[in-house]
Each structure stands twice: as C-alpha cells, then as structure tokens.
Amino acid sequence: MVKIIQNNCNSFPKFGKDAPWLWRPNFQDINSDLLAVCLLEDELNKRYTMLKSVKVLNIDNYNSIAAEPIPHIAVVFKNSNDLIGDKELKSLFESTCQRIVAMGKAVGIYLVFGLI
C-alpha cells in the first residue's frame, strides 16, 4: 500500500481530504510544506526504531513478519520552485529533504520533485 501527500490539492479535487490513500492532507504553502517534511522526518525516525526493534534492515522484511504492515509513503512536490523564498526556510527544507532522500528508501519513504 502507498500513502501520498503532495503540495497541490488541485490535482485530487474529486477525492477530497479524506481519501484513504492520503497520508496527510495536502499542503499548499512554504509553512505547510516545512511542516509536512518535519512530520515525514519524524515518521522516518519512528520507522527506523520499529525496524531496529525486530532486527530487520528494510520495510519489506518488516512487513513480511509484522502483524500490521507499514505502508510506503510518496510525497510529491509538484511546484517545488515555489519553495525558493526565504533562505533560512529553504536551507531547512533542503537539508531535511536530503536526509529523507538518503535514508527513506529502506523505510518506504520517497520524495518526488517537479519543476525545480
């Protein structure tokens, strides 16, 4: 199963905010983008703790033995060039995204960027 969030809610208008495949409601500005990335980093840390507790290296191994599988999460930043405003916020956003990209695959977290 894959859960998705993205930064442009106009792409999913007919499904609404409570679609079962949405991990979190869509986000639409730099503040909610940063919040989403921070929540995702928390989720990344939580998942690594879960994997470590059962001594497995990735989400697929965890899901094969877990009573409740963990869904994969794909975060789509459709208009990521809109995030280039404030230098301090941009730096925080970029460093957090770099960490998630580097460590996310093992725990089923993926970032997709468009229009950078």
C-alpha atoms as a PDB file:
ATOM      1  CA  MET A   1       0.000   0.000   0.000  1.00  0.00           C
ATOM      2  CA  VAL A   2       1.218   3.527  -0.764  1.00  0.00           C
ATOM      3  CA  LYS A   3       0.114   6.694   1.033  1.00  0.00           C
ATOM      4  CA  ILE A   4       0.605  10.034  -0.732  1.00  0.00           C
ATOM      5  CA  ILE A   5       0.800  13.705   0.149  1.00  0.00           C
ATOM      6  CA  GLN A   6       1.544  16.496  -2.279  1.00  0.00           C
ATOM      7  CA  ASN A   7       1.745  20.278  -2.382  1.00  0.00           C
ATOM      8  CA  ASN A   8      -1.042  20.997  -4.850  1.00  0.00           C
ATOM      9  CA  CYS A   9      -4.533  19.905  -3.876  1.00  0.00           C
ATOM     10  CA  ASN A  10      -5.996  20.810  -7.280  1.00  0.00           C
ATOM     11  CA  SER A  11      -4.722  17.516  -8.672  1.00  0.00           C
ATOM     12  CA  PHE A  12      -7.035  15.437  -6.458  1.00  0.00           C
ATOM     13  CA  PRO A  13     -10.201  17.571  -6.175  1.00  0.00           C
ATOM     14  CA  LYS A  14     -12.768  14.808  -6.636  1.00  0.00           C
ATOM     15  CA  PHE A  15     -11.352  12.688  -3.805  1.00  0.00           C
ATOM     16  CA  GLY A  16     -11.342  15.294  -1.042  1.00  0.00           C
ATOM     17  CA  LYS A  17      -9.131  15.478   2.049  1.00  0.00           C
ATOM     18  CA  ASP A  18     -10.181  12.119   3.491  1.00  0.00           C
ATOM     19  CA  ALA A  19      -9.149   9.846   0.627  1.00  0.00           C
ATOM     20  CA  PRO A  20      -7.869   6.573   2.121  1.00  0.00           C
ATOM     21  CA  TRP A  21      -4.556   6.770   0.290  1.00  0.00           C
ATOM     22  CA  LEU A  22      -3.627  10.208   1.666  1.00  0.00           C
ATOM     23  CA  TRP A  23      -1.079  10.062   4.477  1.00  0.00           C
ATOM     24  CA  ARG A  24      -1.789  13.678   5.477  1.00  0.00           C
ATOM     25  CA  PRO A  25      -3.936  16.424   3.962  1.00  0.00           C
ATOM     26  CA  ASN A  26      -2.345  18.214   1.027  1.00  0.00           C
ATOM     27  CA  PHE A  27      -0.192  21.222   1.780  1.00  0.00           C
ATOM     28  CA  GLN A  28      -0.151  24.490  -0.122  1.00  0.00           C
ATOM     29  CA  ASP A  29       2.447  26.963   1.164  1.00  0.00           C
ATOM     30  CA  ILE A  30       6.021  27.026   2.457  1.00  0.00           C
ATOM     31  CA  ASN A  31       4.941  26.704   6.104  1.00  0.00           C
ATOM     32  CA  SER A  32       2.781  23.643   5.489  1.00  0.00           C
ATOM     33  CA  ASP A  33       5.491  22.223   3.187  1.00  0.00           C
ATOM     34  CA  LEU A  34       8.020  22.526   6.015  1.00  0.00           C
ATOM     35  CA  LEU A  35       5.551  21.010   8.480  1.00  0.00           C
ATOM     36  CA  ALA A  36       4.968  18.072   6.142  1.00  0.00           C
ATOM     37  CA  VAL A  37       8.706  17.468   5.733  1.00  0.00           C
ATOM     38  CA  CYS A  38       9.255  17.681   9.509  1.00  0.00           C
ATOM     39  CA  LEU A  39       6.407  15.207  10.099  1.00  0.00           C
ATOM     40  CA  LEU A  40       7.940  12.969   7.470  1.00  0.00           C
ATOM     41  CA  GLU A  41      11.318  13.134   9.192  1.00  0.00           C
ATOM     42  CA  ASP A  42       9.607  12.121  12.460  1.00  0.00           C
ATOM     43  CA  GLU A  43       7.956   9.224  10.622  1.00  0.00           C
ATOM     44  CA  LEU A  44      11.346   8.214   9.192  1.00  0.00           C
ATOM     45  CA  ASN A  45      12.858   8.098  12.703  1.00  0.00           C
ATOM     46  CA  LYS A  46       9.876   6.145  14.045  1.00  0.00           C
ATOM     47  CA  ARG A  47      10.168   3.586  11.258  1.00  0.00           C
ATOM     48  CA  TYR A  48      13.893   3.086  11.821  1.00  0.00           C
ATOM     49  CA  THR A  49      13.148   2.433  15.501  1.00  0.00           C
ATOM     50  CA  MET A  50      10.496  -0.118  14.504  1.00  0.00           C
ATOM     51  CA  LEU A  51      12.886  -1.908  12.150  1.00  0.00           C
ATOM     52  CA  LYS A  52      15.640  -1.927  14.751  1.00  0.00           C
ATOM     53  CA  SER A  53      13.286  -3.414  17.375  1.00  0.00           C
ATOM     54  CA  VAL A  54      12.741  -6.533  15.234  1.00  0.00           C
ATOM     55  CA  LYS A  55      16.271  -6.577  13.798  1.00  0.00           C
ATOM     56  CA  VAL A  56      15.446  -6.133  10.109  1.00  0.00           C
ATOM     57  CA  LEU A  57      17.037  -3.804   7.568  1.00  0.00           C
ATOM     58  CA  ASN A  58      14.132  -2.622   5.423  1.00  0.00           C
ATOM     59  CA  ILE A  59      10.380  -2.164   5.232  1.00  0.00           C
ATOM     60  CA  ASP A  60       9.803  -5.236   3.060  1.00  0.00           C
ATOM     61  CA  ASN A  61      11.430  -7.513   5.637  1.00  0.00           C
ATOM     62  CA  TYR A  62       9.471  -5.800   8.408  1.00  0.00           C
ATOM     63  CA  ASN A  63       6.160  -6.161   6.558  1.00  0.00           C
ATOM     64  CA  SER A  64       6.797  -9.872   5.967  1.00  0.00           C
ATOM     65  CA  ILE A  65       6.833 -10.540   9.733  1.00  0.00           C
ATOM     66  CA  ALA A  66       4.643  -7.732  11.118  1.00  0.00           C
ATOM     67  CA  ALA A  67       1.063  -8.195  12.227  1.00  0.00           C
ATOM     68  CA  GLU A  68       0.259  -4.769  10.759  1.00  0.00           C
ATOM     69  CA  PRO A  69       2.299  -3.799   7.672  1.00  0.00           C
ATOM     70  CA  ILE A  70       3.671  -0.280   7.261  1.00  0.00           C
ATOM     71  CA  PRO A  71       2.537   1.500   4.065  1.00  0.00           C
ATOM     72  CA  HIS A  72       5.010   3.142   1.719  1.00  0.00           C
ATOM     73  CA  ILE A  73       4.742   6.951   1.592  1.00  0.00           C
ATOM     74  CA  ALA A  74       5.353   9.037  -1.529  1.00  0.00           C
ATOM     75  CA  VAL A  75       5.470  12.806  -1.129  1.00  0.00           C
ATOM     76  CA  VAL A  76       5.015  14.796  -4.319  1.00  0.00           C
ATOM     77  CA  PHE A  77       6.234  18.385  -4.512  1.00  0.00           C
ATOM     78  CA  LYS A  78       4.656  19.459  -7.770  1.00  0.00           C
ATOM     79  CA  ASN A  79       5.700  23.109  -7.569  1.00  0.00           C
ATOM     80  CA  SER A  80       8.942  22.893  -5.632  1.00  0.00           C
ATOM     81  CA  ASN A  81      10.258  26.068  -7.269  1.00  0.00           C
ATOM     82  CA  ASP A  82       7.727  27.928  -5.070  1.00  0.00           C
ATOM     83  CA  LEU A  83       9.819  26.922  -2.056  1.00  0.00           C
ATOM     84  CA  ILE A  84      12.742  29.136  -3.020  1.00  0.00           C
ATOM     85  CA  GLY A  85      11.649  32.176  -0.970  1.00  0.00           C
ATOM     86  CA  ASP A  86      13.304  32.726   2.410  1.00  0.00           C
ATOM     87  CA  LYS A  87      16.942  31.487   2.520  1.00  0.00           C
ATOM     88  CA  GLU A  88      16.701  30.125   6.072  1.00  0.00           C
ATOM     89  CA  LEU A  89      13.473  28.212   5.334  1.00  0.00           C
ATOM     90  CA  LYS A  90      14.918  26.970   2.045  1.00  0.00           C
ATOM     91  CA  SER A  91      18.034  25.714   3.821  1.00  0.00           C
ATOM     92  CA  LEU A  92      15.980  23.896   6.463  1.00  0.00           C
ATOM     93  CA  PHE A  93      13.715  22.403   3.806  1.00  0.00           C
ATOM     94  CA  GLU A  94      16.637  21.242   1.654  1.00  0.00           C
ATOM     95  CA  SER A  95      18.649  19.707   4.496  1.00  0.00           C
ATOM     96  CA  THR A  96      15.615  17.821   5.807  1.00  0.00           C
ATOM     97  CA  CYS A  97      14.742  16.582   2.308  1.00  0.00           C
ATOM     98  CA  GLN A  98      18.347  15.453   1.726  1.00  0.00           C
ATOM     99  CA  ARG A  99      18.222  13.359   4.905  1.00  0.00           C
ATOM    100  CA  ILE A 100      14.861  11.841   3.940  1.00  0.00           C
ATOM    101  CA  VAL A 101      16.073  11.032   0.407  1.00  0.00           C
ATOM    102  CA  ALA A 102      19.269   9.455   1.750  1.00  0.00           C
ATOM    103  CA  MET A 103      17.555   7.292   4.383  1.00  0.00           C
ATOM    104  CA  GLY A 104      13.951   6.974   3.220  1.00  0.00           C
ATOM    105  CA  LYS A 105      14.107   4.105   0.755  1.00  0.00           C
ATOM    106  CA  ALA A 106      14.832   1.490   3.431  1.00  0.00           C
ATOM    107  CA  VAL A 107      11.726   2.519   5.377  1.00  0.00           C
ATOM    108  CA  GLY A 108       9.416   3.117   2.406  1.00  0.00           C
ATOM    109  CA  ILE A 109       9.502   6.920   2.232  1.00  0.00           C
ATOM    110  CA  TYR A 110      10.027   8.594  -1.144  1.00  0.00           C
ATOM    111  CA  LEU A 111      10.155  12.236  -2.265  1.00  0.00           C
ATOM    112  CA  VAL A 112       9.221  13.301  -5.807  1.00  0.00           C
ATOM    113  CA  PHE A 113      10.059  16.817  -7.010  1.00  0.00           C
ATOM    114  CA  GLY A 114       8.793  18.620 -10.092  1.00  0.00           C
ATOM    115  CA  LEU A 115       9.675  22.000 -11.601  1.00  0.00           C
ATOM    116  CA  ILE A 116      12.817  22.552  -9.533  1.00  0.00           C
END
